[in-house]
Protein backbone atom coordinates (compact mmCIF):
# COMPACT_ATOMS: atom_id res chain seq x y z
CA UNK A 1 -0.21 -0.24 0.09
CA UNK A 2 1.48 3.40 -0.94
CA UNK A 3 2.23 6.18 1.67
CA UNK A 4 -0.68 8.27 0.27
CA UNK A 5 -3.03 5.44 0.49
CA UNK A 6 -2.30 4.56 4.45
CA UNK A 7 -2.43 8.41 4.93
CA UNK A 8 -5.87 8.53 3.10
CA UNK A 9 -7.26 5.50 5.55
CA UNK A 10 -5.90 6.80 8.91
CA UNK A 11 -7.64 9.84 8.11
CA UNK A 12 -11.01 8.38 7.82
CA UNK A 13 -10.61 6.21 10.61
CA UNK A 14 -9.85 9.24 13.03
CA UNK A 15 -13.05 11.82 10.71
CA UNK A 16 -15.56 8.63 10.95
CA UNK A 17 -16.16 8.98 15.01
CA UNK A 18 -15.62 13.01 15.29
CA UNK A 19 -18.49 13.16 12.44
CA UNK A 20 -20.52 10.77 14.28
CA UNK A 21 -20.16 12.38 17.75
CA UNK A 22 -21.40 15.52 15.99
CA UNK A 23 -24.48 14.04 15.41
CA UNK A 24 -27.82 15.47 16.92
CA UNK A 25 -27.96 12.54 19.72
CA UNK A 26 -31.09 13.08 21.01
CA UNK A 27 -32.73 13.14 17.43
CA UNK A 28 -31.38 9.13 16.61
CA UNK A 29 -32.86 7.83 19.53
CA UNK A 30 -36.25 9.41 21.08
CA UNK A 31 -38.52 12.13 19.02
CA UNK A 32 -41.22 12.51 22.02
CA UNK A 33 -42.05 15.61 22.81
CA UNK A 34 -40.42 17.76 25.33
CA UNK A 35 -41.60 17.92 28.54
CA UNK A 36 -44.70 20.35 29.58
CA UNK A 37 -44.00 24.05 30.30
CA UNK A 38 -41.72 24.28 33.46
CA UNK A 39 -39.99 21.07 33.02
CA UNK A 40 -36.92 23.30 31.75
CA UNK A 41 -34.70 22.98 28.81
CA UNK A 42 -33.72 19.66 27.87
CA UNK A 43 -30.36 18.74 27.50
CA UNK A 44 -28.60 16.92 24.79
CA UNK A 45 -28.85 13.57 26.34
CA UNK A 46 -32.12 13.93 27.93
CA UNK A 47 -33.75 11.93 25.18
CA UNK A 48 -30.99 9.11 24.91
CA UNK A 49 -32.92 5.68 25.25
CA UNK A 50 -32.19 3.56 27.81
CA UNK A 51 -31.27 1.04 25.57
CA UNK A 52 -30.01 2.43 22.33
CA UNK A 53 -30.01 0.30 19.38
CA UNK A 54 -28.50 3.07 16.62
CA UNK A 55 -24.33 3.46 15.84
CA UNK A 56 -24.66 6.87 17.53
CA UNK A 57 -26.73 6.22 20.42
CA UNK A 58 -24.63 2.96 21.41
CA UNK A 59 -21.54 5.31 21.15
CA UNK A 60 -23.04 8.12 23.15
CA UNK A 61 -24.28 5.67 25.74
CA UNK A 62 -21.21 3.81 26.43
CA UNK A 63 -19.65 7.52 26.99
CA UNK A 64 -21.71 8.42 29.41
CA UNK A 65 -21.77 5.12 31.11
CA UNK A 66 -17.95 5.42 31.17
CA UNK A 67 -17.86 8.70 32.37
CA UNK A 68 -20.27 7.78 34.81
CA UNK A 69 -18.19 4.88 36.09
CA UNK A 70 -15.31 7.38 36.80
CA UNK A 71 -17.12 9.79 38.52
CA UNK A 72 -18.61 7.06 40.87
CA UNK A 73 -14.82 5.97 42.03
CA UNK A 74 -13.83 9.51 42.50
CA UNK A 75 -16.97 9.61 44.74
CA UNK A 76 -15.68 6.75 46.35
CA UNK A 77 -12.07 7.72 46.44
CA UNK A 78 -12.82 11.15 47.95
CA UNK A 79 -15.22 9.75 50.74
CA UNK A 80 -12.30 7.37 51.81
CA UNK A 81 -9.68 10.41 51.78
CA UNK A 82 -12.64 12.40 54.09
CA UNK A 83 -12.60 9.65 56.62
CA UNK A 84 -8.80 9.13 56.66
CA UNK A 85 -8.29 13.12 57.26
CA UNK A 86 -11.17 13.43 59.75
CA UNK A 87 -13.66 15.57 57.13
CA UNK A 88 -15.85 12.71 57.36
CA UNK A 89 -19.33 12.77 55.50
CA UNK A 90 -20.13 11.29 52.09
CA UNK A 91 -18.20 12.87 48.31
CA UNK A 92 -20.45 13.10 45.40
CA UNK A 93 -19.39 14.91 42.43
CA UNK A 94 -17.68 18.18 44.25
CA UNK A 95 -20.26 18.08 46.95
CA UNK A 96 -19.59 17.15 50.71
CA UNK A 97 -22.51 15.52 52.38
CA UNK A 98 -22.81 15.36 56.26
CA UNK A 99 -25.39 12.30 56.98
CA UNK A 100 -26.55 11.63 60.27
CA UNK A 101 -23.99 9.71 62.84
CA UNK A 102 -26.48 7.05 63.47
CA UNK A 103 -27.31 5.90 59.16
CA UNK A 104 -25.04 2.93 58.84
CA UNK A 105 -23.10 3.07 55.91
CA UNK A 106 -23.76 0.73 53.23
CA UNK A 107 -21.74 -0.99 49.70
CA UNK A 108 -22.27 0.81 47.18
CA UNK A 109 -23.49 -0.93 44.24
CA UNK A 110 -21.89 0.66 41.49
CA UNK A 111 -23.99 -2.02 38.83
CA UNK A 112 -26.89 0.78 39.93
CA UNK A 113 -24.97 3.93 39.69
CA UNK A 114 -24.94 4.78 43.52
CA UNK A 115 -22.17 6.76 44.53
CA UNK A 116 -22.84 5.74 47.91
CA UNK A 117 -25.49 4.13 50.09
CA UNK A 118 -26.81 3.93 53.94
CA UNK A 119 -29.55 2.49 56.06
CA UNK A 120 -31.88 3.52 58.58
CA UNK A 121 -32.91 1.39 61.13
CA UNK A 122 -35.83 2.56 63.80
CA UNK A 123 -38.20 0.15 65.64
CA UNK A 124 -37.92 -2.63 63.43
CA UNK A 125 -38.22 -1.16 60.21
CA UNK A 126 -35.66 0.03 57.43
CA UNK A 127 -35.08 2.68 54.84
CA UNK A 128 -32.38 3.21 52.53
CA UNK A 129 -30.56 6.63 51.44
CA UNK A 130 -28.81 6.08 47.99
CA UNK A 131 -26.49 9.24 46.43
CA UNK A 132 -26.18 8.91 42.90
CA UNK A 133 -23.27 11.15 41.33
CA UNK A 134 -25.05 12.04 38.24
CA UNK A 135 -28.22 11.02 36.66
CA UNK A 136 -30.21 11.49 33.13
CA UNK A 137 -33.26 13.23 32.19
CA UNK A 138 -33.92 16.67 33.52
CA UNK A 139 -36.18 17.04 36.63
CA UNK A 140 -39.85 16.60 35.13
CA UNK A 141 -38.87 13.64 33.40
CA UNK A 142 -37.11 12.11 36.83
CA UNK A 143 -40.54 13.18 38.70
CA UNK A 144 -42.60 11.49 36.17
CA UNK A 145 -40.36 8.43 36.34
CA UNK A 146 -40.71 8.38 40.08
CA UNK A 147 -44.61 8.72 39.83
CA UNK A 148 -44.43 5.60 37.67
CA UNK A 149 -42.60 3.79 40.28
CA UNK A 150 -44.60 5.14 43.27
CA UNK A 151 -48.84 4.24 42.58
CA UNK A 152 -52.02 4.41 44.14
CA UNK A 153 -53.72 1.37 45.68
CA UNK A 154 -55.68 1.81 42.27
CA UNK A 155 -52.70 1.50 40.39
CA UNK A 156 -52.60 5.28 38.75
CA UNK A 157 -49.24 7.24 39.54
CA UNK A 158 -49.20 8.62 43.09
CA UNK A 159 -49.45 12.58 43.59
CA UNK A 160 -46.04 14.27 44.09
CA UNK A 161 -45.34 17.20 46.37
CA UNK A 162 -42.64 19.34 44.71
CA UNK A 163 -40.82 21.95 46.27
CA UNK A 164 -37.38 23.88 45.41
CA UNK A 165 -34.58 25.58 46.97
CA UNK A 166 -31.27 26.80 46.77
CA UNK A 167 -28.57 25.01 48.63
CA UNK A 168 -24.63 26.21 48.17
CA UNK A 169 -25.83 28.48 44.91
CA UNK A 170 -27.30 25.23 43.38
CA UNK A 171 -31.06 24.79 42.40
CA UNK A 172 -32.98 22.13 44.61
CA UNK A 173 -35.68 20.26 43.86
CA UNK A 174 -37.37 18.27 46.79
CA UNK A 175 -39.72 15.66 46.08
CA UNK A 176 -41.87 13.57 48.06
CA UNK A 177 -44.47 10.66 47.21
CA UNK A 178 -46.62 8.18 49.08
CA UNK A 179 -47.69 5.39 48.02
CA UNK A 180 -47.03 1.93 46.54
CA UNK A 181 -43.43 1.63 45.60
CA UNK A 182 -41.67 -0.85 43.26
CA UNK A 183 -38.07 0.05 42.03
CA UNK A 184 -35.75 -1.28 40.16
CA UNK A 185 -35.56 -4.21 41.83
CA UNK A 186 -36.67 -6.24 45.00
CA UNK A 187 -40.20 -6.80 46.55
CA UNK A 188 -42.54 -3.78 46.15
CA UNK A 189 -43.44 -1.95 49.63
CA UNK A 190 -46.78 -1.39 49.60
CA UNK A 191 -47.24 1.71 52.05
CA UNK A 192 -44.14 3.47 51.11
CA UNK A 193 -42.38 6.65 51.52
CA UNK A 194 -40.63 7.76 48.54
CA UNK A 195 -38.38 10.85 49.21
CA UNK A 196 -35.75 12.79 46.58
CA UNK A 197 -33.61 15.54 46.06
CA UNK A 198 -32.12 16.64 42.71
CA UNK A 199 -29.52 19.15 42.70
CA UNK A 200 -28.53 20.63 39.68
CA UNK A 201 -24.66 20.79 38.95
CA UNK A 202 -24.11 21.92 35.23
CA UNK A 203 -26.46 22.02 32.34
CA UNK A 204 -27.54 17.97 31.77
CA UNK A 205 -25.37 17.15 35.13
CA UNK A 206 -27.66 16.30 38.59
CA UNK A 207 -26.82 15.16 41.76
CA UNK A 208 -29.64 12.98 43.15
CA UNK A 209 -30.25 11.28 46.47
CA UNK A 210 -33.19 9.18 47.69
CA UNK A 211 -34.78 8.00 50.76
CA UNK A 212 -37.10 5.17 50.66
CA UNK A 213 -38.57 2.71 52.81
CA UNK A 214 -42.12 1.95 55.13
CA UNK A 215 -44.39 5.00 54.79
CA UNK A 216 -44.04 5.95 58.47
CA UNK A 217 -40.26 5.65 58.60
CA UNK A 218 -39.89 7.41 55.83
CA UNK A 219 -42.19 10.54 57.36
CA UNK A 220 -40.39 10.61 60.93
CA UNK A 221 -37.23 10.81 58.97
CA UNK A 222 -38.10 13.35 56.48
CA UNK A 223 -37.25 16.79 58.26
CA UNK A 224 -33.89 14.87 58.44
CA UNK A 225 -33.51 13.41 55.05
CA UNK A 226 -33.77 17.18 53.74
CA UNK A 227 -31.86 18.80 56.22
CA UNK A 228 -28.80 16.18 55.01
CA UNK A 229 -28.92 17.64 51.83
CA UNK A 230 -28.99 21.00 52.98
CA UNK A 231 -25.46 20.31 54.30
CA UNK A 232 -23.52 20.31 51.08
CA UNK A 233 -20.55 22.04 50.63
CA UNK A 234 -18.44 22.41 47.42
CA UNK A 235 -14.88 21.06 47.51
CA UNK A 236 -12.04 20.90 44.74
CA UNK A 237 -11.56 17.89 42.34
């Protein structure tokens, strides 16, 4: 093969993935209408399908998942470093949170995109608090997804109580839902409480903190949970 031909082949191999990366990803995977008014502007990966089939979609999903894996590993390393230096708390993104001392630290499950996990025990019942370092979608789409997981007794979506605040200069959306909760795995909780906070870090990037468990336990720890979210303090990475 001539030198010219080899150069042409190398150039084509480099150009193709770059060209694919510049295509509008959302249009390839989900052509559904954007969220209703008040949901905020959608971001480039908001409409990326959970299981994309196109070459572009799979490449974007792999890149997103790799970035998330790296971020979760950094979160766990930063949390460990904080324990060693006496700072304590849990590091997610560039925010350090201070969970109550009686919350029991658990091993986070990276296959479920968890950065940290805690267990709350109360009168024989257990609730779980999970930190997710980066989740997809926007505020409205995540709330609707949660309403599909928490149902009324008749099977319809449960109502969500939503309020907004600012923590450390960042917008925080707090969500409270009660009903029959069926998560991605495990048995359903027939009388459950669901609490979550979405912290907007950057365009298209949010930290999510979620509390689930029996309704009585969750209600008893709701104020404590949202107070913990307010402990977020920025640190460099």
